[in-house]
């Protein structure tokens, strides 16, 4: 699972965007 970016909402990091092989 490769993280591709951070998710930001109202100036706060609330998560991660990623690409995963978890369902492959």
PDBML (XML) file of the C-alpha atoms, coordinates in Angstrom:
<?xml version="1.0" encoding="UTF-8" ?>
<PDBx:datablock datablockName="MODEL"
   xmlns:PDBx="http://pdbml.pdb.org/schema/pdbx-v50.xsd"
   xmlns:xsi="http://www.w3.org/2001/XMLSchema-instance"
   xsi:schemaLocation="http://pdbml.pdb.org/schema/pdbx-v50.xsd pdbx-v50.xsd">
   <PDBx:atom_siteCategory>
      <PDBx:atom_site id="1">
         <PDBx:B_iso_or_equiv>0.00</PDBx:B_iso_or_equiv>
         <PDBx:Cartn_x>0.000</PDBx:Cartn_x>
         <PDBx:Cartn_y>0.000</PDBx:Cartn_y>
         <PDBx:Cartn_z>0.000</PDBx:Cartn_z>
         <PDBx:auth_asym_id>A</PDBx:auth_asym_id>
         <PDBx:auth_atom_id>CA</PDBx:auth_atom_id>
         <PDBx:auth_comp_id>UNK</PDBx:auth_comp_id>
         <PDBx:auth_seq_id>1</PDBx:auth_seq_id>
         <PDBx:group_PDB>ATOM</PDBx:group_PDB>
         <PDBx:label_alt_id xsi:nil="true" />
         <PDBx:label_asym_id>A</PDBx:label_asym_id>
         <PDBx:label_atom_id>CA</PDBx:label_atom_id>
         <PDBx:label_comp_id>UNK</PDBx:label_comp_id>
         <PDBx:label_entity_id>1</PDBx:label_entity_id>
         <PDBx:label_seq_id>1</PDBx:label_seq_id>
         <PDBx:occupancy>1.00</PDBx:occupancy>
         <PDBx:pdbx_PDB_model_num>1</PDBx:pdbx_PDB_model_num>
         <PDBx:type_symbol>C</PDBx:type_symbol>
      </PDBx:atom_site>
      <PDBx:atom_site id="2">
         <PDBx:B_iso_or_equiv>0.00</PDBx:B_iso_or_equiv>
         <PDBx:Cartn_x>1.629</PDBx:Cartn_x>
         <PDBx:Cartn_y>3.194</PDBx:Cartn_y>
         <PDBx:Cartn_z>-1.229</PDBx:Cartn_z>
         <PDBx:auth_asym_id>A</PDBx:auth_asym_id>
         <PDBx:auth_atom_id>CA</PDBx:auth_atom_id>
         <PDBx:auth_comp_id>UNK</PDBx:auth_comp_id>
         <PDBx:auth_seq_id>2</PDBx:auth_seq_id>
         <PDBx:group_PDB>ATOM</PDBx:group_PDB>
         <PDBx:label_alt_id xsi:nil="true" />
         <PDBx:label_asym_id>A</PDBx:label_asym_id>
         <PDBx:label_atom_id>CA</PDBx:label_atom_id>
         <PDBx:label_comp_id>UNK</PDBx:label_comp_id>
         <PDBx:label_entity_id>1</PDBx:label_entity_id>
         <PDBx:label_seq_id>2</PDBx:label_seq_id>
         <PDBx:occupancy>1.00</PDBx:occupancy>
         <PDBx:pdbx_PDB_model_num>1</PDBx:pdbx_PDB_model_num>
         <PDBx:type_symbol>C</PDBx:type_symbol>
      </PDBx:atom_site>
      <PDBx:atom_site id="3">
         <PDBx:B_iso_or_equiv>0.00</PDBx:B_iso_or_equiv>
         <PDBx:Cartn_x>0.584</PDBx:Cartn_x>
         <PDBx:Cartn_y>6.506</PDBx:Cartn_y>
         <PDBx:Cartn_z>0.292</PDBx:Cartn_z>
         <PDBx:auth_asym_id>A</PDBx:auth_asym_id>
         <PDBx:auth_atom_id>CA</PDBx:auth_atom_id>
         <PDBx:auth_comp_id>UNK</PDBx:auth_comp_id>
         <PDBx:auth_seq_id>3</PDBx:auth_seq_id>
         <PDBx:group_PDB>ATOM</PDBx:group_PDB>
         <PDBx:label_alt_id xsi:nil="true" />
         <PDBx:label_asym_id>A</PDBx:label_asym_id>
         <PDBx:label_atom_id>CA</PDBx:label_atom_id>
         <PDBx:label_comp_id>UNK</PDBx:label_comp_id>
         <PDBx:label_entity_id>1</PDBx:label_entity_id>
         <PDBx:label_seq_id>3</PDBx:label_seq_id>
         <PDBx:occupancy>1.00</PDBx:occupancy>
         <PDBx:pdbx_PDB_model_num>1</PDBx:pdbx_PDB_model_num>
         <PDBx:type_symbol>C</PDBx:type_symbol>
      </PDBx:atom_site>
      <PDBx:atom_site id="4">
         <PDBx:B_iso_or_equiv>0.00</PDBx:B_iso_or_equiv>
         <PDBx:Cartn_x>0.173</PDBx:Cartn_x>
         <PDBx:Cartn_y>9.147</PDBx:Cartn_y>
         <PDBx:Cartn_z>-2.423</PDBx:Cartn_z>
         <PDBx:auth_asym_id>A</PDBx:auth_asym_id>
         <PDBx:auth_atom_id>CA</PDBx:auth_atom_id>
         <PDBx:auth_comp_id>UNK</PDBx:auth_comp_id>
         <PDBx:auth_seq_id>4</PDBx:auth_seq_id>
         <PDBx:group_PDB>ATOM</PDBx:group_PDB>
         <PDBx:label_alt_id xsi:nil="true" />
         <PDBx:label_asym_id>A</PDBx:label_asym_id>
         <PDBx:label_atom_id>CA</PDBx:label_atom_id>
         <PDBx:label_comp_id>UNK</PDBx:label_comp_id>
         <PDBx:label_entity_id>1</PDBx:label_entity_id>
         <PDBx:label_seq_id>4</PDBx:label_seq_id>
         <PDBx:occupancy>1.00</PDBx:occupancy>
         <PDBx:pdbx_PDB_model_num>1</PDBx:pdbx_PDB_model_num>
         <PDBx:type_symbol>C</PDBx:type_symbol>
      </PDBx:atom_site>
      <PDBx:atom_site id="5">
         <PDBx:B_iso_or_equiv>0.00</PDBx:B_iso_or_equiv>
         <PDBx:Cartn_x>-0.976</PDBx:Cartn_x>
         <PDBx:Cartn_y>12.172</PDBx:Cartn_y>
         <PDBx:Cartn_z>-0.455</PDBx:Cartn_z>
         <PDBx:auth_asym_id>A</PDBx:auth_asym_id>
         <PDBx:auth_atom_id>CA</PDBx:auth_atom_id>
         <PDBx:auth_comp_id>UNK</PDBx:auth_comp_id>
         <PDBx:auth_seq_id>5</PDBx:auth_seq_id>
         <PDBx:group_PDB>ATOM</PDBx:group_PDB>
         <PDBx:label_alt_id xsi:nil="true" />
         <PDBx:label_asym_id>A</PDBx:label_asym_id>
         <PDBx:label_atom_id>CA</PDBx:label_atom_id>
         <PDBx:label_comp_id>UNK</PDBx:label_comp_id>
         <PDBx:label_entity_id>1</PDBx:label_entity_id>
         <PDBx:label_seq_id>5</PDBx:label_seq_id>
         <PDBx:occupancy>1.00</PDBx:occupancy>
         <PDBx:pdbx_PDB_model_num>1</PDBx:pdbx_PDB_model_num>
         <PDBx:type_symbol>C</PDBx:type_symbol>
      </PDBx:atom_site>
      <PDBx:atom_site id="6">
         <PDBx:B_iso_or_equiv>0.00</PDBx:B_iso_or_equiv>
         <PDBx:Cartn_x>-2.309</PDBx:Cartn_x>
         <PDBx:Cartn_y>13.604</PDBx:Cartn_y>
         <PDBx:Cartn_z>2.770</PDBx:Cartn_z>
         <PDBx:auth_asym_id>A</PDBx:auth_asym_id>
         <PDBx:auth_atom_id>CA</PDBx:auth_atom_id>
         <PDBx:auth_comp_id>UNK</PDBx:auth_comp_id>
         <PDBx:auth_seq_id>6</PDBx:auth_seq_id>
         <PDBx:group_PDB>ATOM</PDBx:group_PDB>
         <PDBx:label_alt_id xsi:nil="true" />
         <PDBx:label_asym_id>A</PDBx:label_asym_id>
         <PDBx:label_atom_id>CA</PDBx:label_atom_id>
         <PDBx:label_comp_id>UNK</PDBx:label_comp_id>
         <PDBx:label_entity_id>1</PDBx:label_entity_id>
         <PDBx:label_seq_id>6</PDBx:label_seq_id>
         <PDBx:occupancy>1.00</PDBx:occupancy>
         <PDBx:pdbx_PDB_model_num>1</PDBx:pdbx_PDB_model_num>
         <PDBx:type_symbol>C</PDBx:type_symbol>
      </PDBx:atom_site>
      <PDBx:atom_site id="7">
         <PDBx:B_iso_or_equiv>0.00</PDBx:B_iso_or_equiv>
         <PDBx:Cartn_x>-5.956</PDBx:Cartn_x>
         <PDBx:Cartn_y>14.531</PDBx:Cartn_y>
         <PDBx:Cartn_z>3.229</PDBx:Cartn_z>
         <PDBx:auth_asym_id>A</PDBx:auth_asym_id>
         <PDBx:auth_atom_id>CA</PDBx:auth_atom_id>
         <PDBx:auth_comp_id>UNK</PDBx:auth_comp_id>
         <PDBx:auth_seq_id>7</PDBx:auth_seq_id>
         <PDBx:group_PDB>ATOM</PDBx:group_PDB>
         <PDBx:label_alt_id xsi:nil="true" />
         <PDBx:label_asym_id>A</PDBx:label_asym_id>
         <PDBx:label_atom_id>CA</PDBx:label_atom_id>
         <PDBx:label_comp_id>UNK</PDBx:label_comp_id>
         <PDBx:label_entity_id>1</PDBx:label_entity_id>
         <PDBx:label_seq_id>7</PDBx:label_seq_id>
         <PDBx:occupancy>1.00</PDBx:occupancy>
         <PDBx:pdbx_PDB_model_num>1</PDBx:pdbx_PDB_model_num>
         <PDBx:type_symbol>C</PDBx:type_symbol>
      </PDBx:atom_site>
      <PDBx:atom_site id="8">
         <PDBx:B_iso_or_equiv>0.00</PDBx:B_iso_or_equiv>
         <PDBx:Cartn_x>-6.416</PDBx:Cartn_x>
         <PDBx:Cartn_y>17.955</PDBx:Cartn_y>
         <PDBx:Cartn_z>4.807</PDBx:Cartn_z>
         <PDBx:auth_asym_id>A</PDBx:auth_asym_id>
         <PDBx:auth_atom_id>CA</PDBx:auth_atom_id>
         <PDBx:auth_comp_id>UNK</PDBx:auth_comp_id>
         <PDBx:auth_seq_id>8</PDBx:auth_seq_id>
         <PDBx:group_PDB>ATOM</PDBx:group_PDB>
         <PDBx:label_alt_id xsi:nil="true" />
         <PDBx:label_asym_id>A</PDBx:label_asym_id>
         <PDBx:label_atom_id>CA</PDBx:label_atom_id>
         <PDBx:label_comp_id>UNK</PDBx:label_comp_id>
         <PDBx:label_entity_id>1</PDBx:label_entity_id>
         <PDBx:label_seq_id>8</PDBx:label_seq_id>
         <PDBx:occupancy>1.00</PDBx:occupancy>
         <PDBx:pdbx_PDB_model_num>1</PDBx:pdbx_PDB_model_num>
         <PDBx:type_symbol>C</PDBx:type_symbol>
      </PDBx:atom_site>
      <PDBx:atom_site id="9">
         <PDBx:B_iso_or_equiv>0.00</PDBx:B_iso_or_equiv>
         <PDBx:Cartn_x>-9.657</PDBx:Cartn_x>
         <PDBx:Cartn_y>19.483</PDBx:Cartn_y>
         <PDBx:Cartn_z>6.076</PDBx:Cartn_z>
         <PDBx:auth_asym_id>A</PDBx:auth_asym_id>
         <PDBx:auth_atom_id>CA</PDBx:auth_atom_id>
         <PDBx:auth_comp_id>UNK</PDBx:auth_comp_id>
         <PDBx:auth_seq_id>9</PDBx:auth_seq_id>
         <PDBx:group_PDB>ATOM</PDBx:group_PDB>
         <PDBx:label_alt_id xsi:nil="true" />
         <PDBx:label_asym_id>A</PDBx:label_asym_id>
         <PDBx:label_atom_id>CA</PDBx:label_atom_id>
         <PDBx:label_comp_id>UNK</PDBx:label_comp_id>
         <PDBx:label_entity_id>1</PDBx:label_entity_id>
         <PDBx:label_seq_id>9</PDBx:label_seq_id>
         <PDBx:occupancy>1.00</PDBx:occupancy>
         <PDBx:pdbx_PDB_model_num>1</PDBx:pdbx_PDB_model_num>
         <PDBx:type_symbol>C</PDBx:type_symbol>
      </PDBx:atom_site>
      <PDBx:atom_site id="10">
         <PDBx:B_iso_or_equiv>0.00</PDBx:B_iso_or_equiv>
         <PDBx:Cartn_x>-9.858</PDBx:Cartn_x>
         <PDBx:Cartn_y>22.906</PDBx:Cartn_y>
         <PDBx:Cartn_z>7.725</PDBx:Cartn_z>
         <PDBx:auth_asym_id>A</PDBx:auth_asym_id>
         <PDBx:auth_atom_id>CA</PDBx:auth_atom_id>
         <PDBx:auth_comp_id>UNK</PDBx:auth_comp_id>
         <PDBx:auth_seq_id>10</PDBx:auth_seq_id>
         <PDBx:group_PDB>ATOM</PDBx:group_PDB>
         <PDBx:label_alt_id xsi:nil="true" />
         <PDBx:label_asym_id>A</PDBx:label_asym_id>
         <PDBx:label_atom_id>CA</PDBx:label_atom_id>
         <PDBx:label_comp_id>UNK</PDBx:label_comp_id>
         <PDBx:label_entity_id>1</PDBx:label_entity_id>
         <PDBx:label_seq_id>10</PDBx:label_seq_id>
         <PDBx:occupancy>1.00</PDBx:occupancy>
         <PDBx:pdbx_PDB_model_num>1</PDBx:pdbx_PDB_model_num>
         <PDBx:type_symbol>C</PDBx:type_symbol>
      </PDBx:atom_site>
      <PDBx:atom_site id="11">
         <PDBx:B_iso_or_equiv>0.00</PDBx:B_iso_or_equiv>
         <PDBx:Cartn_x>-6.061</PDBx:Cartn_x>
         <PDBx:Cartn_y>22.961</PDBx:Cartn_y>
         <PDBx:Cartn_z>8.116</PDBx:Cartn_z>
         <PDBx:auth_asym_id>A</PDBx:auth_asym_id>
         <PDBx:auth_atom_id>CA</PDBx:auth_atom_id>
         <PDBx:auth_comp_id>UNK</PDBx:auth_comp_id>
         <PDBx:auth_seq_id>11</PDBx:auth_seq_id>
         <PDBx:group_PDB>ATOM</PDBx:group_PDB>
         <PDBx:label_alt_id xsi:nil="true" />
         <PDBx:label_asym_id>A</PDBx:label_asym_id>
         <PDBx:label_atom_id>CA</PDBx:label_atom_id>
         <PDBx:label_comp_id>UNK</PDBx:label_comp_id>
         <PDBx:label_entity_id>1</PDBx:label_entity_id>
         <PDBx:label_seq_id>11</PDBx:label_seq_id>
         <PDBx:occupancy>1.00</PDBx:occupancy>
         <PDBx:pdbx_PDB_model_num>1</PDBx:pdbx_PDB_model_num>
         <PDBx:type_symbol>C</PDBx:type_symbol>
      </PDBx:atom_site>
      <PDBx:atom_site id="12">
         <PDBx:B_iso_or_equiv>0.00</PDBx:B_iso_or_equiv>
         <PDBx:Cartn_x>-5.928</PDBx:Cartn_x>
         <PDBx:Cartn_y>19.577</PDBx:Cartn_y>
         <PDBx:Cartn_z>9.863</PDBx:Cartn_z>
         <PDBx:auth_asym_id>A</PDBx:auth_asym_id>
         <PDBx:auth_atom_id>CA</PDBx:auth_atom_id>
         <PDBx:auth_comp_id>UNK</PDBx:auth_comp_id>
         <PDBx:auth_seq_id>12</PDBx:auth_seq_id>
         <PDBx:group_PDB>ATOM</PDBx:group_PDB>
         <PDBx:label_alt_id xsi:nil="true" />
         <PDBx:label_asym_id>A</PDBx:label_asym_id>
         <PDBx:label_atom_id>CA</PDBx:label_atom_id>
         <PDBx:label_comp_id>UNK</PDBx:label_comp_id>
         <PDBx:label_entity_id>1</PDBx:label_entity_id>
         <PDBx:label_seq_id>12</PDBx:label_seq_id>
         <PDBx:occupancy>1.00</PDBx:occupancy>
         <PDBx:pdbx_PDB_model_num>1</PDBx:pdbx_PDB_model_num>
         <PDBx:type_symbol>C</PDBx:type_symbol>
      </PDBx:atom_site>
      <PDBx:atom_site id="13">
         <PDBx:B_iso_or_equiv>0.00</PDBx:B_iso_or_equiv>
         <PDBx:Cartn_x>-4.569</PDBx:Cartn_x>
         <PDBx:Cartn_y>16.321</PDBx:Cartn_y>
         <PDBx:Cartn_z>8.450</PDBx:Cartn_z>
         <PDBx:auth_asym_id>A</PDBx:auth_asym_id>
         <PDBx:auth_atom_id>CA</PDBx:auth_atom_id>
         <PDBx:auth_comp_id>UNK</PDBx:auth_comp_id>
         <PDBx:auth_seq_id>13</PDBx:auth_seq_id>
         <PDBx:group_PDB>ATOM</PDBx:group_PDB>
         <PDBx:label_alt_id xsi:nil="true" />
         <PDBx:label_asym_id>A</PDBx:label_asym_id>
         <PDBx:label_atom_id>CA</PDBx:label_atom_id>
         <PDBx:label_comp_id>UNK</PDBx:label_comp_id>
         <PDBx:label_entity_id>1</PDBx:label_entity_id>
         <PDBx:label_seq_id>13</PDBx:label_seq_id>
         <PDBx:occupancy>1.00</PDBx:occupancy>
         <PDBx:pdbx_PDB_model_num>1</PDBx:pdbx_PDB_model_num>
         <PDBx:type_symbol>C</PDBx:type_symbol>
      </PDBx:atom_site>
      <PDBx:atom_site id="14">
         <PDBx:B_iso_or_equiv>0.00</PDBx:B_iso_or_equiv>
         <PDBx:Cartn_x>-7.459</PDBx:Cartn_x>
         <PDBx:Cartn_y>13.859</PDBx:Cartn_y>
         <PDBx:Cartn_z>8.657</PDBx:Cartn_z>
         <PDBx:auth_asym_id>A</PDBx:auth_asym_id>
         <PDBx:auth_atom_id>CA</PDBx:auth_atom_id>
         <PDBx:auth_comp_id>UNK</PDBx:auth_comp_id>
         <PDBx:auth_seq_id>14</PDBx:auth_seq_id>
         <PDBx:group_PDB>ATOM</PDBx:group_PDB>
         <PDBx:label_alt_id xsi:nil="true" />
         <PDBx:label_asym_id>A</PDBx:label_asym_id>
         <PDBx:label_atom_id>CA</PDBx:label_atom_id>
         <PDBx:label_comp_id>UNK</PDBx:label_comp_id>
         <PDBx:label_entity_id>1</PDBx:label_entity_id>
         <PDBx:label_seq_id>14</PDBx:label_seq_id>
         <PDBx:occupancy>1.00</PDBx:occupancy>
         <PDBx:pdbx_PDB_model_num>1</PDBx:pdbx_PDB_model_num>
         <PDBx:type_symbol>C</PDBx:type_symbol>
      </PDBx:atom_site>
      <PDBx:atom_site id="15">
         <PDBx:B_iso_or_equiv>0.00</PDBx:B_iso_or_equiv>
         <PDBx:Cartn_x>-6.169</PDBx:Cartn_x>
         <PDBx:Cartn_y>10.988</PDBx:Cartn_y>
         <PDBx:Cartn_z>6.578</PDBx:Cartn_z>
         <PDBx:auth_asym_id>A</PDBx:auth_asym_id>
         <PDBx:auth_atom_id>CA</PDBx:auth_atom_id>
         <PDBx:auth_comp_id>UNK</PDBx:auth_comp_id>
         <PDBx:auth_seq_id>15</PDBx:auth_seq_id>
         <PDBx:group_PDB>ATOM</PDBx:group_PDB>
         <PDBx:label_alt_id xsi:nil="true" />
         <PDBx:label_asym_id>A</PDBx:label_asym_id>
         <PDBx:label_atom_id>CA</PDBx:label_atom_id>
         <PDBx:label_comp_id>UNK</PDBx:label_comp_id>
         <PDBx:label_entity_id>1</PDBx:label_entity_id>
         <PDBx:label_seq_id>15</PDBx:label_seq_id>
         <PDBx:occupancy>1.00</PDBx:occupancy>
         <PDBx:pdbx_PDB_model_num>1</PDBx:pdbx_PDB_model_num>
         <PDBx:type_symbol>C</PDBx:type_symbol>
      </PDBx:atom_site>
      <PDBx:atom_site id="16">
         <PDBx:B_iso_or_equiv>0.00</PDBx:B_iso_or_equiv>
         <PDBx:Cartn_x>-4.153</PDBx:Cartn_x>
         <PDBx:Cartn_y>9.525</PDBx:Cartn_y>
         <PDBx:Cartn_z>3.736</PDBx:Cartn_z>
         <PDBx:auth_asym_id>A</PDBx:auth_asym_id>
         <PDBx:auth_atom_id>CA</PDBx:auth_atom_id>
         <PDBx:auth_comp_id>UNK</PDBx:auth_comp_id>
         <PDBx:auth_seq_id>16</PDBx:auth_seq_id>
         <PDBx:group_PDB>ATOM</PDBx:group_PDB>
         <PDBx:label_alt_id xsi:nil="true" />
         <PDBx:label_asym_id>A</PDBx:label_asym_id>
         <PDBx:label_atom_id>CA</PDBx:label_atom_id>
         <PDBx:label_comp_id>UNK</PDBx:label_comp_id>
         <PDBx:label_entity_id>1</PDBx:label_entity_id>
         <PDBx:label_seq_id>16</PDBx:label_seq_id>
         <PDBx:occupancy>1.00</PDBx:occupancy>
         <PDBx:pdbx_PDB_model_num>1</PDBx:pdbx_PDB_model_num>
         <PDBx:type_symbol>C</PDBx:type_symbol>
      </PDBx:atom_site>
      <PDBx:atom_site id="17">
         <PDBx:B_iso_or_equiv>0.00</PDBx:B_iso_or_equiv>
         <PDBx:Cartn_x>-4.781</PDBx:Cartn_x>
         <PDBx:Cartn_y>8.785</PDBx:Cartn_y>
         <PDBx:Cartn_z>0.083</PDBx:Cartn_z>
         <PDBx:auth_asym_id>A</PDBx:auth_asym_id>
         <PDBx:auth_atom_id>CA</PDBx:auth_atom_id>
         <PDBx:auth_comp_id>UNK</PDBx:auth_comp_id>
         <PDBx:auth_seq_id>17</PDBx:auth_seq_id>
         <PDBx:group_PDB>ATOM</PDBx:group_PDB>
         <PDBx:label_alt_id xsi:nil="true" />
         <PDBx:label_asym_id>A</PDBx:label_asym_id>
         <PDBx:label_atom_id>CA</PDBx:label_atom_id>
         <PDBx:label_comp_id>UNK</PDBx:label_comp_id>
         <PDBx:label_entity_id>1</PDBx:label_entity_id>
         <PDBx:label_seq_id>17</PDBx:label_seq_id>
         <PDBx:occupancy>1.00</PDBx:occupancy>
         <PDBx:pdbx_PDB_model_num>1</PDBx:pdbx_PDB_model_num>
         <PDBx:type_symbol>C</PDBx:type_symbol>
      </PDBx:atom_site>
      <PDBx:atom_site id="18">
         <PDBx:B_iso_or_equiv>0.00</PDBx:B_iso_or_equiv>
         <PDBx:Cartn_x>-3.133</PDBx:Cartn_x>
         <PDBx:Cartn_y>5.595</PDBx:Cartn_y>
         <PDBx:Cartn_z>-1.121</PDBx:Cartn_z>
         <PDBx:auth_asym_id>A</PDBx:auth_asym_id>
         <PDBx:auth_atom_id>CA</PDBx:auth_atom_id>
         <PDBx:auth_comp_id>UNK</PDBx:auth_comp_id>
         <PDBx:auth_seq_id>18</PDBx:auth_seq_id>
         <PDBx:group_PDB>ATOM</PDBx:group_PDB>
         <PDBx:label_alt_id xsi:nil="true" />
         <PDBx:label_asym_id>A</PDBx:label_asym_id>
         <PDBx:label_atom_id>CA</PDBx:label_atom_id>
         <PDBx:label_comp_id>UNK</PDBx:label_comp_id>
         <PDBx:label_entity_id>1</PDBx:label_entity_id>
         <PDBx:label_seq_id>18</PDBx:label_seq_id>
         <PDBx:occupancy>1.00</PDBx:occupancy>
         <PDBx:pdbx_PDB_model_num>1</PDBx:pdbx_PDB_model_num>
         <PDBx:type_symbol>C</PDBx:type_symbol>
      </PDBx:atom_site>
      <PDBx:atom_site id="19">
         <PDBx:B_iso_or_equiv>0.00</PDBx:B_iso_or_equiv>
         <PDBx:Cartn_x>-2.991</PDBx:Cartn_x>
         <PDBx:Cartn_y>2.878</PDBx:Cartn_y>
         <PDBx:Cartn_z>-3.736</PDBx:Cartn_z>
         <PDBx:auth_asym_id>A</PDBx:auth_asym_id>
         <PDBx:auth_atom_id>CA</PDBx:auth_atom_id>
         <PDBx:auth_comp_id>UNK</PDBx:auth_comp_id>
         <PDBx:auth_seq_id>19</PDBx:auth_seq_id>
         <PDBx:group_PDB>ATOM</PDBx:group_PDB>
         <PDBx:label_alt_id xsi:nil="true" />
         <PDBx:label_asym_id>A</PDBx:label_asym_id>
         <PDBx:label_atom_id>CA</PDBx:label_atom_id>
         <PDBx:label_comp_id>UNK</PDBx:label_comp_id>
         <PDBx:label_entity_id>1</PDBx:label_entity_id>
         <PDBx:label_seq_id>19</PDBx:label_seq_id>
         <PDBx:occupancy>1.00</PDBx:occupancy>
         <PDBx:pdbx_PDB_model_num>1</PDBx:pdbx_PDB_model_num>
         <PDBx:type_symbol>C</PDBx:type_symbol>
      </PDBx:atom_site>
      <PDBx:atom_site id="20">
         <PDBx:B_iso_or_equiv>0.00</PDBx:B_iso_or_equiv>
         <PDBx:Cartn_x>-3.261</PDBx:Cartn_x>
         <PDBx:Cartn_y>-0.645</PDBx:Cartn_y>
         <PDBx:Cartn_z>-2.361</PDBx:Cartn_z>
         <PDBx:auth_asym_id>A</PDBx:auth_asym_id>
         <PDBx:auth_atom_id>CA</PDBx:auth_atom_id>
         <PDBx:auth_comp_id>UNK</PDBx:auth_comp_id>
         <PDBx:auth_seq_id>20</PDBx:auth_seq_id>
         <PDBx:group_PDB>ATOM</PDBx:group_PDB>
         <PDBx:label_alt_id xsi:nil="true" />
         <PDBx:label_asym_id>A</PDBx:label_asym_id>
         <PDBx:label_atom_id>CA</PDBx:label_atom_id>
         <PDBx:label_comp_id>UNK</PDBx:label_comp_id>
         <PDBx:label_entity_id>1</PDBx:label_entity_id>
         <PDBx:label_seq_id>20</PDBx:label_seq_id>
         <PDBx:occupancy>1.00</PDBx:occupancy>
         <PDBx:pdbx_PDB_model_num>1</PDBx:pdbx_PDB_model_num>
         <PDBx:type_symbol>C</PDBx:type_symbol>
      </PDBx:atom_site>
      <PDBx:atom_site id="21">
         <PDBx:B_iso_or_equiv>0.00</PDBx:B_iso_or_equiv>
         <PDBx:Cartn_x>-3.005</PDBx:Cartn_x>
         <PDBx:Cartn_y>-4.216</PDBx:Cartn_y>
         <PDBx:Cartn_z>-3.600</PDBx:Cartn_z>
         <PDBx:auth_asym_id>A</PDBx:auth_asym_id>
         <PDBx:auth_atom_id>CA</PDBx:auth_atom_id>
         <PDBx:auth_comp_id>UNK</PDBx:auth_comp_id>
         <PDBx:auth_seq_id>21</PDBx:auth_seq_id>
         <PDBx:group_PDB>ATOM</PDBx:group_PDB>
         <PDBx:label_alt_id xsi:nil="true" />
         <PDBx:label_asym_id>A</PDBx:label_asym_id>
         <PDBx:label_atom_id>CA</PDBx:label_atom_id>
         <PDBx:label_comp_id>UNK</PDBx:label_comp_id>
         <PDBx:label_entity_id>1</PDBx:label_entity_id>
         <PDBx:label_seq_id>21</PDBx:label_seq_id>
         <PDBx:occupancy>1.00</PDBx:occupancy>
         <PDBx:pdbx_PDB_model_num>1</PDBx:pdbx_PDB_model_num>
         <PDBx:type_symbol>C</PDBx:type_symbol>
      </PDBx:atom_site>
      <PDBx:atom_site id="22">
         <PDBx:B_iso_or_equiv>0.00</PDBx:B_iso_or_equiv>
         <PDBx:Cartn_x>-5.077</PDBx:Cartn_x>
         <PDBx:Cartn_y>-5.368</PDBx:Cartn_y>
         <PDBx:Cartn_z>-0.657</PDBx:Cartn_z>
         <PDBx:auth_asym_id>A</PDBx:auth_asym_id>
         <PDBx:auth_atom_id>CA</PDBx:auth_atom_id>
         <PDBx:auth_comp_id>UNK</PDBx:auth_comp_id>
         <PDBx:auth_seq_id>22</PDBx:auth_seq_id>
         <PDBx:group_PDB>ATOM</PDBx:group_PDB>
         <PDBx:label_alt_id xsi:nil="true" />
         <PDBx:label_asym_id>A</PDBx:label_asym_id>
         <PDBx:label_atom_id>CA</PDBx:label_atom_id>
         <PDBx:label_comp_id>UNK</PDBx:label_comp_id>
         <PDBx:label_entity_id>1</PDBx:label_entity_id>
         <PDBx:label_seq_id>22</PDBx:label_seq_id>
         <PDBx:occupancy>1.00</PDBx:occupancy>
         <PDBx:pdbx_PDB_model_num>1</PDBx:pdbx_PDB_model_num>
         <PDBx:type_symbol>C</PDBx:type_symbol>
      </PDBx:atom_site>
      <PDBx:atom_site id="23">
         <PDBx:B_iso_or_equiv>0.00</PDBx:B_iso_or_equiv>
         <PDBx:Cartn_x>-7.910</PDBx:Cartn_x>
         <PDBx:Cartn_y>-6.573</PDBx:Cartn_y>
         <PDBx:Cartn_z>-2.910</PDBx:Cartn_z>
         <PDBx:auth_asym_id>A</PDBx:auth_asym_id>
         <PDBx:auth_atom_id>CA</PDBx:auth_atom_id>
         <PDBx:auth_comp_id>UNK</PDBx:auth_comp_id>
         <PDBx:auth_seq_id>23</PDBx:auth_seq_id>
         <PDBx:group_PDB>ATOM</PDBx:group_PDB>
         <PDBx:label_alt_id xsi:nil="true" />
         <PDBx:label_asym_id>A</PDBx:label_asym_id>
         <PDBx:label_atom_id>CA</PDBx:label_atom_id>
         <PDBx:label_comp_id>UNK</PDBx:label_comp_id>
         <PDBx:label_entity_id>1</PDBx:label_entity_id>
         <PDBx:label_seq_id>23</PDBx:label_seq_id>
         <PDBx:occupancy>1.00</PDBx:occupancy>
         <PDBx:pdbx_PDB_model_num>1</PDBx:pdbx_PDB_model_num>
         <PDBx:type_symbol>C</PDBx:type_symbol>
      </PDBx:atom_site>
      <PDBx:atom_site id="24">
         <PDBx:B_iso_or_equiv>0.00</PDBx:B_iso_or_equiv>
         <PDBx:Cartn_x>-5.713</PDBx:Cartn_x>
         <PDBx:Cartn_y>-8.008</PDBx:Cartn_y>
         <PDBx:Cartn_z>-5.680</PDBx:Cartn_z>
         <PDBx:auth_asym_id>A</PDBx:auth_asym_id>
         <PDBx:auth_atom_id>CA</PDBx:auth_atom_id>
         <PDBx:auth_comp_id>UNK</PDBx:auth_comp_id>
         <PDBx:auth_seq_id>24</PDBx:auth_seq_id>
         <PDBx:group_PDB>ATOM</PDBx:group_PDB>
         <PDBx:label_alt_id xsi:nil="true" />
         <PDBx:label_asym_id>A</PDBx:label_asym_id>
         <PDBx:label_atom_id>CA</PDBx:label_atom_id>
         <PDBx:label_comp_id>UNK</PDBx:label_comp_id>
         <PDBx:label_entity_id>1</PDBx:label_entity_id>
         <PDBx:label_seq_id>24</PDBx:label_seq_id>
         <PDBx:occupancy>1.00</PDBx:occupancy>
         <PDBx:pdbx_PDB_model_num>1</PDBx:pdbx_PDB_model_num>
         <PDBx:type_symbol>C</PDBx:type_symbol>
      </PDBx:atom_site>
   </PDBx:atom_siteCategory>
</PDBx:datablock>
